mmCIF file of all heavy atoms, coordinates in Angstrom:
data_MODEL
# 
_entry.id   MODEL 
# 
loop_
_atom_site.group_PDB 
_atom_site.id 
_atom_site.type_symbol 
_atom_site.label_atom_id 
_atom_site.label_alt_id 
_atom_site.label_comp_id 
_atom_site.label_asym_id 
_atom_site.label_entity_id 
_atom_site.label_seq_id 
_atom_site.pdbx_PDB_ins_code 
_atom_site.Cartn_x 
_atom_site.Cartn_y 
_atom_site.Cartn_z 
_atom_site.occupancy 
_atom_site.B_iso_or_equiv 
_atom_site.pdbx_formal_charge 
_atom_site.auth_seq_id 
_atom_site.auth_comp_id 
_atom_site.auth_asym_id 
_atom_site.auth_atom_id 
_atom_site.pdbx_PDB_model_num 
ATOM 1   N N   . LYS A 1 1  ? -11.435 7.945   -11.636 1.00 0.00 ? 1  LYS A N   1 
ATOM 2   C CA  . LYS A 1 1  ? -11.339 6.500   -11.329 1.00 0.00 ? 1  LYS A CA  1 
ATOM 3   C C   . LYS A 1 1  ? -9.854  6.016   -11.380 1.00 0.00 ? 1  LYS A C   1 
ATOM 4   O O   . LYS A 1 1  ? -9.418  5.263   -10.474 1.00 0.00 ? 1  LYS A O   1 
ATOM 5   C CB  . LYS A 1 1  ? -12.128 5.741   -12.351 1.00 0.00 ? 1  LYS A CB  1 
ATOM 6   C CG  . LYS A 1 1  ? -12.121 4.195   -12.154 1.00 0.00 ? 1  LYS A CG  1 
ATOM 7   C CD  . LYS A 1 1  ? -12.992 3.528   -13.178 1.00 0.00 ? 1  LYS A CD  1 
ATOM 8   C CE  . LYS A 1 1  ? -12.928 1.982   -12.931 1.00 0.00 ? 1  LYS A CE  1 
ATOM 9   N NZ  . LYS A 1 1  ? -13.719 1.278   -13.940 1.00 0.00 ? 1  LYS A NZ  1 
ATOM 10  N N   . VAL A 1 2  ? -9.040  6.512   -12.359 1.00 0.00 ? 2  VAL A N   1 
ATOM 11  C CA  . VAL A 1 2  ? -7.649  6.136   -12.455 1.00 0.00 ? 2  VAL A CA  1 
ATOM 12  C C   . VAL A 1 2  ? -6.915  6.623   -11.213 1.00 0.00 ? 2  VAL A C   1 
ATOM 13  O O   . VAL A 1 2  ? -6.101  5.977   -10.620 1.00 0.00 ? 2  VAL A O   1 
ATOM 14  C CB  . VAL A 1 2  ? -6.994  6.712   -13.749 1.00 0.00 ? 2  VAL A CB  1 
ATOM 15  C CG1 . VAL A 1 2  ? -5.515  6.508   -13.700 1.00 0.00 ? 2  VAL A CG1 1 
ATOM 16  C CG2 . VAL A 1 2  ? -7.631  6.100   -14.970 1.00 0.00 ? 2  VAL A CG2 1 
ATOM 17  N N   . THR A 1 3  ? -7.287  7.918   -10.786 1.00 0.00 ? 3  THR A N   1 
ATOM 18  C CA  . THR A 1 3  ? -6.609  8.476   -9.643  1.00 0.00 ? 3  THR A CA  1 
ATOM 19  C C   . THR A 1 3  ? -6.922  7.669   -8.418  1.00 0.00 ? 3  THR A C   1 
ATOM 20  O O   . THR A 1 3  ? -6.024  7.368   -7.502  1.00 0.00 ? 3  THR A O   1 
ATOM 21  C CB  . THR A 1 3  ? -7.035  9.922   -9.473  1.00 0.00 ? 3  THR A CB  1 
ATOM 22  O OG1 . THR A 1 3  ? -6.758  10.687  -10.594 1.00 0.00 ? 3  THR A OG1 1 
ATOM 23  C CG2 . THR A 1 3  ? -6.335  10.540  -8.232  1.00 0.00 ? 3  THR A CG2 1 
ATOM 24  N N   . GLN A 1 4  ? -8.189  7.188   -8.306  1.00 0.00 ? 4  GLN A N   1 
ATOM 25  C CA  . GLN A 1 4  ? -8.609  6.412   -7.127  1.00 0.00 ? 4  GLN A CA  1 
ATOM 26  C C   . GLN A 1 4  ? -7.811  4.998   -7.144  1.00 0.00 ? 4  GLN A C   1 
ATOM 27  O O   . GLN A 1 4  ? -7.411  4.578   -6.100  1.00 0.00 ? 4  GLN A O   1 
ATOM 28  C CB  . GLN A 1 4  ? -10.126 6.180   -7.231  1.00 0.00 ? 4  GLN A CB  1 
ATOM 29  C CG  . GLN A 1 4  ? -10.605 5.306   -5.967  1.00 0.00 ? 4  GLN A CG  1 
ATOM 30  C CD  . GLN A 1 4  ? -12.099 5.131   -6.060  1.00 0.00 ? 4  GLN A CD  1 
ATOM 31  O OE1 . GLN A 1 4  ? -12.720 5.367   -7.173  1.00 0.00 ? 4  GLN A OE1 1 
ATOM 32  N NE2 . GLN A 1 4  ? -12.684 4.662   -4.988  1.00 0.00 ? 4  GLN A NE2 1 
ATOM 33  N N   . GLU A 1 5  ? -7.719  4.369   -8.306  1.00 0.00 ? 5  GLU A N   1 
ATOM 34  C CA  . GLU A 1 5  ? -7.051  3.101   -8.390  1.00 0.00 ? 5  GLU A CA  1 
ATOM 35  C C   . GLU A 1 5  ? -5.610  3.216   -8.058  1.00 0.00 ? 5  GLU A C   1 
ATOM 36  O O   . GLU A 1 5  ? -4.995  2.383   -7.343  1.00 0.00 ? 5  GLU A O   1 
ATOM 37  C CB  . GLU A 1 5  ? -7.126  2.568   -9.828  1.00 0.00 ? 5  GLU A CB  1 
ATOM 38  C CG  . GLU A 1 5  ? -8.609  2.160   -10.187 1.00 0.00 ? 5  GLU A CG  1 
ATOM 39  C CD  . GLU A 1 5  ? -8.723  1.676   -11.617 1.00 0.00 ? 5  GLU A CD  1 
ATOM 40  O OE1 . GLU A 1 5  ? -7.716  1.896   -12.366 1.00 0.00 ? 5  GLU A OE1 1 
ATOM 41  O OE2 . GLU A 1 5  ? -9.779  1.144   -12.024 1.00 0.00 ? 5  GLU A OE2 1 
ATOM 42  N N   . GLU A 1 6  ? -4.918  4.282   -8.490  1.00 0.00 ? 6  GLU A N   1 
ATOM 43  C CA  . GLU A 1 6  ? -3.486  4.481   -8.158  1.00 0.00 ? 6  GLU A CA  1 
ATOM 44  C C   . GLU A 1 6  ? -3.315  4.800   -6.692  1.00 0.00 ? 6  GLU A C   1 
ATOM 45  O O   . GLU A 1 6  ? -2.323  4.320   -6.057  1.00 0.00 ? 6  GLU A O   1 
ATOM 46  C CB  . GLU A 1 6  ? -2.898  5.650   -8.974  1.00 0.00 ? 6  GLU A CB  1 
ATOM 47  C CG  . GLU A 1 6  ? -2.802  5.399   -10.447 1.00 0.00 ? 6  GLU A CG  1 
ATOM 48  C CD  . GLU A 1 6  ? -1.917  4.177   -10.822 1.00 0.00 ? 6  GLU A CD  1 
ATOM 49  O OE1 . GLU A 1 6  ? -0.919  3.970   -10.057 1.00 0.00 ? 6  GLU A OE1 1 
ATOM 50  O OE2 . GLU A 1 6  ? -2.107  3.558   -11.844 1.00 0.00 ? 6  GLU A OE2 1 
ATOM 51  N N   . THR A 1 7  ? -4.308  5.524   -6.126  1.00 0.00 ? 7  THR A N   1 
ATOM 52  C CA  . THR A 1 7  ? -4.202  5.786   -4.675  1.00 0.00 ? 7  THR A CA  1 
ATOM 53  C C   . THR A 1 7  ? -4.363  4.535   -3.885  1.00 0.00 ? 7  THR A C   1 
ATOM 54  O O   . THR A 1 7  ? -3.596  4.233   -2.911  1.00 0.00 ? 7  THR A O   1 
ATOM 55  C CB  . THR A 1 7  ? -5.311  6.807   -4.244  1.00 0.00 ? 7  THR A CB  1 
ATOM 56  O OG1 . THR A 1 7  ? -5.179  7.967   -5.007  1.00 0.00 ? 7  THR A OG1 1 
ATOM 57  C CG2 . THR A 1 7  ? -5.238  7.073   -2.731  1.00 0.00 ? 7  THR A CG2 1 
ATOM 58  N N   . GLU A 1 8  ? -5.312  3.637   -4.272  1.00 0.00 ? 8  GLU A N   1 
ATOM 59  C CA  . GLU A 1 8  ? -5.505  2.362   -3.621  1.00 0.00 ? 8  GLU A CA  1 
ATOM 60  C C   . GLU A 1 8  ? -4.197  1.442   -3.731  1.00 0.00 ? 8  GLU A C   1 
ATOM 61  O O   . GLU A 1 8  ? -3.853  0.689   -2.847  1.00 0.00 ? 8  GLU A O   1 
ATOM 62  C CB  . GLU A 1 8  ? -6.784  1.658   -4.142  1.00 0.00 ? 8  GLU A CB  1 
ATOM 63  C CG  . GLU A 1 8  ? -8.026  2.339   -3.801  1.00 0.00 ? 8  GLU A CG  1 
ATOM 64  C CD  . GLU A 1 8  ? -9.247  1.692   -4.477  1.00 0.00 ? 8  GLU A CD  1 
ATOM 65  O OE1 . GLU A 1 8  ? -8.981  0.802   -5.316  1.00 0.00 ? 8  GLU A OE1 1 
ATOM 66  O OE2 . GLU A 1 8  ? -10.403 2.058   -4.103  1.00 0.00 ? 8  GLU A OE2 1 
ATOM 67  N N   . ARG A 1 9  ? -3.640  1.494   -4.952  1.00 0.00 ? 9  ARG A N   1 
ATOM 68  C CA  . ARG A 1 9  ? -2.413  0.756   -5.183  1.00 0.00 ? 9  ARG A CA  1 
ATOM 69  C C   . ARG A 1 9  ? -1.296  1.159   -4.256  1.00 0.00 ? 9  ARG A C   1 
ATOM 70  O O   . ARG A 1 9  ? -0.624  0.353   -3.648  1.00 0.00 ? 9  ARG A O   1 
ATOM 71  C CB  . ARG A 1 9  ? -1.975  0.935   -6.631  1.00 0.00 ? 9  ARG A CB  1 
ATOM 72  C CG  . ARG A 1 9  ? -0.704  0.233   -6.982  1.00 0.00 ? 9  ARG A CG  1 
ATOM 73  C CD  . ARG A 1 9  ? -0.357  0.527   -8.453  1.00 0.00 ? 9  ARG A CD  1 
ATOM 74  N NE  . ARG A 1 9  ? 0.986   0.042   -8.756  1.00 0.00 ? 9  ARG A NE  1 
ATOM 75  C CZ  . ARG A 1 9  ? 1.592   0.253   -9.952  1.00 0.00 ? 9  ARG A CZ  1 
ATOM 76  N NH1 . ARG A 1 9  ? 0.985   0.945   -10.826 1.00 0.00 ? 9  ARG A NH1 1 
ATOM 77  N NH2 . ARG A 1 9  ? 2.849   -0.195  -10.098 1.00 0.00 ? 9  ARG A NH2 1 
ATOM 78  N N   . MET A 1 10 ? -1.127  2.505   -4.040  1.00 0.00 ? 10 MET A N   1 
ATOM 79  C CA  . MET A 1 10 ? -0.096  2.993   -3.116  1.00 0.00 ? 10 MET A CA  1 
ATOM 80  C C   . MET A 1 10 ? -0.416  2.634   -1.687  1.00 0.00 ? 10 MET A C   1 
ATOM 81  O O   . MET A 1 10 ? 0.446   2.327   -0.882  1.00 0.00 ? 10 MET A O   1 
ATOM 82  C CB  . MET A 1 10 ? 0.015   4.544   -3.271  1.00 0.00 ? 10 MET A CB  1 
ATOM 83  C CG  . MET A 1 10 ? 0.727   4.960   -4.550  1.00 0.00 ? 10 MET A CG  1 
ATOM 84  S SD  . MET A 1 10 ? 1.164   6.743   -4.514  1.00 0.00 ? 10 MET A SD  1 
ATOM 85  C CE  . MET A 1 10 ? -0.494  7.451   -4.488  1.00 0.00 ? 10 MET A CE  1 
ATOM 86  N N   . ILE A 1 11 ? -1.772  2.652   -1.343  1.00 0.00 ? 11 ILE A N   1 
ATOM 87  C CA  . ILE A 1 11 ? -2.079  2.293   0.014   1.00 0.00 ? 11 ILE A CA  1 
ATOM 88  C C   . ILE A 1 11 ? -1.825  0.782   0.282   1.00 0.00 ? 11 ILE A C   1 
ATOM 89  O O   . ILE A 1 11 ? -1.330  0.443   1.311   1.00 0.00 ? 11 ILE A O   1 
ATOM 90  C CB  . ILE A 1 11 ? -3.640  2.566   0.221   1.00 0.00 ? 11 ILE A CB  1 
ATOM 91  C CG1 . ILE A 1 11 ? -3.847  4.099   0.294   1.00 0.00 ? 11 ILE A CG1 1 
ATOM 92  C CG2 . ILE A 1 11 ? -4.077  1.953   1.534   1.00 0.00 ? 11 ILE A CG2 1 
ATOM 93  C CD1 . ILE A 1 11 ? -5.304  4.482   0.320   1.00 0.00 ? 11 ILE A CD1 1 
ATOM 94  N N   . ARG A 1 12 ? -2.179  -0.050  -0.731  1.00 0.00 ? 12 ARG A N   1 
ATOM 95  C CA  . ARG A 1 12 ? -1.800  -1.501  -0.582  1.00 0.00 ? 12 ARG A CA  1 
ATOM 96  C C   . ARG A 1 12 ? -0.277  -1.677  -0.403  1.00 0.00 ? 12 ARG A C   1 
ATOM 97  O O   . ARG A 1 12 ? 0.156   -2.454  0.406   1.00 0.00 ? 12 ARG A O   1 
ATOM 98  C CB  . ARG A 1 12 ? -2.321  -2.278  -1.822  1.00 0.00 ? 12 ARG A CB  1 
ATOM 99  C CG  . ARG A 1 12 ? -3.783  -2.386  -1.851  1.00 0.00 ? 12 ARG A CG  1 
ATOM 100 C CD  . ARG A 1 12 ? -4.184  -3.493  -2.832  1.00 0.00 ? 12 ARG A CD  1 
ATOM 101 N NE  . ARG A 1 12 ? -3.611  -3.268  -4.187  1.00 0.00 ? 12 ARG A NE  1 
ATOM 102 C CZ  . ARG A 1 12 ? -4.231  -2.573  -5.140  1.00 0.00 ? 12 ARG A CZ  1 
ATOM 103 N NH1 . ARG A 1 12 ? -5.458  -1.987  -4.849  1.00 0.00 ? 12 ARG A NH1 1 
ATOM 104 N NH2 . ARG A 1 12 ? -3.680  -2.411  -6.323  1.00 0.00 ? 12 ARG A NH2 1 
ATOM 105 N N   . MET A 1 13 ? 0.496   -0.952  -1.203  1.00 0.00 ? 13 MET A N   1 
ATOM 106 C CA  . MET A 1 13 ? 1.919   -1.140  -1.081  1.00 0.00 ? 13 MET A CA  1 
ATOM 107 C C   . MET A 1 13 ? 2.441   -0.634  0.247   1.00 0.00 ? 13 MET A C   1 
ATOM 108 O O   . MET A 1 13 ? 3.325   -1.298  0.891   1.00 0.00 ? 13 MET A O   1 
ATOM 109 C CB  . MET A 1 13 ? 2.604   -0.266  -2.180  1.00 0.00 ? 13 MET A CB  1 
ATOM 110 C CG  . MET A 1 13 ? 4.127   -0.376  -2.200  1.00 0.00 ? 13 MET A CG  1 
ATOM 111 S SD  . MET A 1 13 ? 4.836   0.678   -3.440  1.00 0.00 ? 13 MET A SD  1 
ATOM 112 C CE  . MET A 1 13 ? 4.026   0.104   -4.954  1.00 0.00 ? 13 MET A CE  1 
ATOM 113 N N   . ILE A 1 14 ? 1.909   0.507   0.758   1.00 0.00 ? 14 ILE A N   1 
ATOM 114 C CA  . ILE A 1 14 ? 2.335   0.935   2.048   1.00 0.00 ? 14 ILE A CA  1 
ATOM 115 C C   . ILE A 1 14 ? 1.938   0.020   3.139   1.00 0.00 ? 14 ILE A C   1 
ATOM 116 O O   . ILE A 1 14 ? 2.671   -0.242  4.117   1.00 0.00 ? 14 ILE A O   1 
ATOM 117 C CB  . ILE A 1 14 ? 1.796   2.376   2.238   1.00 0.00 ? 14 ILE A CB  1 
ATOM 118 C CG1 . ILE A 1 14 ? 2.447   3.370   1.312   1.00 0.00 ? 14 ILE A CG1 1 
ATOM 119 C CG2 . ILE A 1 14 ? 2.040   2.844   3.696   1.00 0.00 ? 14 ILE A CG2 1 
ATOM 120 C CD1 . ILE A 1 14 ? 1.830   4.764   1.344   1.00 0.00 ? 14 ILE A CD1 1 
ATOM 121 N N   . ASN A 1 15 ? 0.694   -0.533  2.999   1.00 0.00 ? 15 ASN A N   1 
ATOM 122 C CA  . ASN A 1 15 ? 0.270   -1.522  4.040   1.00 0.00 ? 15 ASN A CA  1 
ATOM 123 C C   . ASN A 1 15 ? 1.184   -2.733  4.004   1.00 0.00 ? 15 ASN A C   1 
ATOM 124 O O   . ASN A 1 15 ? 1.537   -3.300  5.073   1.00 0.00 ? 15 ASN A O   1 
ATOM 125 C CB  . ASN A 1 15 ? -1.199  -1.934  3.763   1.00 0.00 ? 15 ASN A CB  1 
ATOM 126 C CG  . ASN A 1 15 ? -2.156  -0.801  4.133   1.00 0.00 ? 15 ASN A CG  1 
ATOM 127 O OD1 . ASN A 1 15 ? -1.826  -0.019  4.987   1.00 0.00 ? 15 ASN A OD1 1 
ATOM 128 N ND2 . ASN A 1 15 ? -3.303  -0.784  3.505   1.00 0.00 ? 15 ASN A ND2 1 
ATOM 129 N N   . ASP A 1 16 ? 1.559   -3.173  2.787   1.00 0.00 ? 16 ASP A N   1 
ATOM 130 C CA  . ASP A 1 16 ? 2.480   -4.346  2.696   1.00 0.00 ? 16 ASP A CA  1 
ATOM 131 C C   . ASP A 1 16 ? 3.841   -3.990  3.335   1.00 0.00 ? 16 ASP A C   1 
ATOM 132 O O   . ASP A 1 16 ? 4.428   -4.838  4.054   1.00 0.00 ? 16 ASP A O   1 
ATOM 133 C CB  . ASP A 1 16 ? 2.678   -4.740  1.244   1.00 0.00 ? 16 ASP A CB  1 
ATOM 134 C CG  . ASP A 1 16 ? 1.442   -5.422  0.680   1.00 0.00 ? 16 ASP A CG  1 
ATOM 135 O OD1 . ASP A 1 16 ? 0.600   -5.798  1.461   1.00 0.00 ? 16 ASP A OD1 1 
ATOM 136 O OD2 . ASP A 1 16 ? 1.331   -5.463  -0.600  1.00 0.00 ? 16 ASP A OD2 1 
ATOM 137 N N   . LEU A 1 17 ? 4.318   -2.774  3.074   1.00 0.00 ? 17 LEU A N   1 
ATOM 138 C CA  . LEU A 1 17 ? 5.593   -2.363  3.663   1.00 0.00 ? 17 LEU A CA  1 
ATOM 139 C C   . LEU A 1 17 ? 5.521   -2.298  5.112   1.00 0.00 ? 17 LEU A C   1 
ATOM 140 O O   . LEU A 1 17 ? 6.418   -2.734  5.916   1.00 0.00 ? 17 LEU A O   1 
ATOM 141 C CB  . LEU A 1 17 ? 6.012   -1.016  3.077   1.00 0.00 ? 17 LEU A CB  1 
ATOM 142 C CG  . LEU A 1 17 ? 6.448   -0.988  1.618   1.00 0.00 ? 17 LEU A CG  1 
ATOM 143 C CD1 . LEU A 1 17 ? 6.755   0.448   1.165   1.00 0.00 ? 17 LEU A CD1 1 
ATOM 144 C CD2 . LEU A 1 17 ? 7.711   -1.846  1.451   1.00 0.00 ? 17 LEU A CD2 1 
ATOM 145 N N   . LEU A 1 18 ? 4.417   -1.767  5.677   1.00 0.00 ? 18 LEU A N   1 
ATOM 146 C CA  . LEU A 1 18 ? 4.243   -1.762  7.160   1.00 0.00 ? 18 LEU A CA  1 
ATOM 147 C C   . LEU A 1 18 ? 4.179   -3.160  7.750   1.00 0.00 ? 18 LEU A C   1 
ATOM 148 O O   . LEU A 1 18 ? 4.739   -3.374  8.833   1.00 0.00 ? 18 LEU A O   1 
ATOM 149 C CB  . LEU A 1 18 ? 2.960   -0.955  7.501   1.00 0.00 ? 18 LEU A CB  1 
ATOM 150 C CG  . LEU A 1 18 ? 3.101   0.527   7.213   1.00 0.00 ? 18 LEU A CG  1 
ATOM 151 C CD1 . LEU A 1 18 ? 1.646   1.204   7.507   1.00 0.00 ? 18 LEU A CD1 1 
ATOM 152 C CD2 . LEU A 1 18 ? 4.120   1.214   8.109   1.00 0.00 ? 18 LEU A CD2 1 
ATOM 153 N N   . GLN A 1 19 ? 3.492   -4.023  7.071   1.00 0.00 ? 19 GLN A N   1 
ATOM 154 C CA  . GLN A 1 19 ? 3.383   -5.453  7.496   1.00 0.00 ? 19 GLN A CA  1 
ATOM 155 C C   . GLN A 1 19 ? 4.772   -6.094  7.541   1.00 0.00 ? 19 GLN A C   1 
ATOM 156 O O   . GLN A 1 19 ? 5.192   -6.771  8.432   1.00 0.00 ? 19 GLN A O   1 
ATOM 157 C CB  . GLN A 1 19 ? 2.410   -6.195  6.644   1.00 0.00 ? 19 GLN A CB  1 
ATOM 158 C CG  . GLN A 1 19 ? 2.179   -7.635  7.172   1.00 0.00 ? 19 GLN A CG  1 
ATOM 159 C CD  . GLN A 1 19 ? 1.126   -8.343  6.281   1.00 0.00 ? 19 GLN A CD  1 
ATOM 160 O OE1 . GLN A 1 19 ? 0.564   -7.739  5.349   1.00 0.00 ? 19 GLN A OE1 1 
ATOM 161 N NE2 . GLN A 1 19 ? 0.901   -9.638  6.642   1.00 0.00 ? 19 GLN A NE2 1 
ATOM 162 N N   . LEU A 1 20 ? 5.570   -5.855  6.466   1.00 0.00 ? 20 LEU A N   1 
ATOM 163 C CA  . LEU A 1 20 ? 6.937   -6.415  6.432   1.00 0.00 ? 20 LEU A CA  1 
ATOM 164 C C   . LEU A 1 20 ? 7.840   -5.778  7.512   1.00 0.00 ? 20 LEU A C   1 
ATOM 165 O O   . LEU A 1 20 ? 8.623   -6.487  8.090   1.00 0.00 ? 20 LEU A O   1 
ATOM 166 C CB  . LEU A 1 20 ? 7.611   -6.135  5.062   1.00 0.00 ? 20 LEU A CB  1 
ATOM 167 C CG  . LEU A 1 20 ? 7.194   -7.121  3.887   1.00 0.00 ? 20 LEU A CG  1 
ATOM 168 C CD1 . LEU A 1 20 ? 7.733   -6.561  2.646   1.00 0.00 ? 20 LEU A CD1 1 
ATOM 169 C CD2 . LEU A 1 20 ? 7.701   -8.534  4.243   1.00 0.00 ? 20 LEU A CD2 1 
ATOM 170 N N   . SER A 1 21 ? 7.582   -4.503  7.770   1.00 0.00 ? 21 SER A N   1 
ATOM 171 C CA  . SER A 1 21 ? 8.371   -3.883  8.883   1.00 0.00 ? 21 SER A CA  1 
ATOM 172 C C   . SER A 1 21 ? 8.068   -4.482  10.205  1.00 0.00 ? 21 SER A C   1 
ATOM 173 O O   . SER A 1 21 ? 8.991   -4.693  10.969  1.00 0.00 ? 21 SER A O   1 
ATOM 174 C CB  . SER A 1 21 ? 8.126   -2.344  8.808   1.00 0.00 ? 21 SER A CB  1 
ATOM 175 O OG  . SER A 1 21 ? 8.753   -1.673  9.878   1.00 0.00 ? 21 SER A OG  1 
ATOM 176 N N   . ARG A 1 22 ? 6.830   -4.749  10.458  1.00 0.00 ? 22 ARG A N   1 
ATOM 177 C CA  . ARG A 1 22 ? 6.424   -5.387  11.725  1.00 0.00 ? 22 ARG A CA  1 
ATOM 178 C C   . ARG A 1 22 ? 7.017   -6.754  11.855  1.00 0.00 ? 22 ARG A C   1 
ATOM 179 O O   . ARG A 1 22 ? 7.457   -7.245  12.873  1.00 0.00 ? 22 ARG A O   1 
ATOM 180 C CB  . ARG A 1 22 ? 4.909   -5.457  11.825  1.00 0.00 ? 22 ARG A CB  1 
ATOM 181 C CG  . ARG A 1 22 ? 4.288   -4.078  12.146  1.00 0.00 ? 22 ARG A CG  1 
ATOM 182 C CD  . ARG A 1 22 ? 2.826   -4.269  12.595  1.00 0.00 ? 22 ARG A CD  1 
ATOM 183 N NE  . ARG A 1 22 ? 2.004   -4.814  11.504  1.00 0.00 ? 22 ARG A NE  1 
ATOM 184 C CZ  . ARG A 1 22 ? 1.344   -4.052  10.630  1.00 0.00 ? 22 ARG A CZ  1 
ATOM 185 N NH1 . ARG A 1 22 ? 1.439   -2.734  10.727  1.00 0.00 ? 22 ARG A NH1 1 
ATOM 186 N NH2 . ARG A 1 22 ? 0.594   -4.616  9.734   1.00 0.00 ? 22 ARG A NH2 1 
ATOM 187 N N   . MET A 1 23 ? 7.056   -7.472  10.659  1.00 0.00 ? 23 MET A N   1 
ATOM 188 C CA  . MET A 1 23 ? 7.641   -8.839  10.688  1.00 0.00 ? 23 MET A CA  1 
ATOM 189 C C   . MET A 1 23 ? 9.119   -8.799  10.879  1.00 0.00 ? 23 MET A C   1 
ATOM 190 O O   . MET A 1 23 ? 9.690   -9.546  11.656  1.00 0.00 ? 23 MET A O   1 
ATOM 191 C CB  . MET A 1 23 ? 7.402   -9.525  9.295   1.00 0.00 ? 23 MET A CB  1 
ATOM 192 C CG  . MET A 1 23 ? 5.955   -9.904  9.110   1.00 0.00 ? 23 MET A CG  1 
ATOM 193 S SD  . MET A 1 23 ? 5.733   -10.726 7.484   1.00 0.00 ? 23 MET A SD  1 
ATOM 194 C CE  . MET A 1 23 ? 3.963   -11.140 7.539   1.00 0.00 ? 23 MET A CE  1 
ATOM 195 N N   . ASP A 1 24 ? 9.808   -7.760  10.332  1.00 0.00 ? 24 ASP A N   1 
ATOM 196 C CA  . ASP A 1 24 ? 11.243  -7.619  10.515  1.00 0.00 ? 24 ASP A CA  1 
ATOM 197 C C   . ASP A 1 24 ? 11.599  -7.280  11.978  1.00 0.00 ? 24 ASP A C   1 
ATOM 198 O O   . ASP A 1 24 ? 12.580  -7.731  12.532  1.00 0.00 ? 24 ASP A O   1 
ATOM 199 C CB  . ASP A 1 24 ? 11.787  -6.504  9.631   1.00 0.00 ? 24 ASP A CB  1 
ATOM 200 C CG  . ASP A 1 24 ? 11.782  -6.980  8.146   1.00 0.00 ? 24 ASP A CG  1 
ATOM 201 O OD1 . ASP A 1 24 ? 11.743  -8.130  7.934   1.00 0.00 ? 24 ASP A OD1 1 
ATOM 202 O OD2 . ASP A 1 24 ? 11.837  -6.008  7.271   1.00 0.00 ? 24 ASP A OD2 1 
# 
């Protein structure tokens, strides 16, 4: 469960970074 939560956290961060990159 902890591994799944950390994986989802990294996915959210990467999605946020991709979204910021598209905005930039």
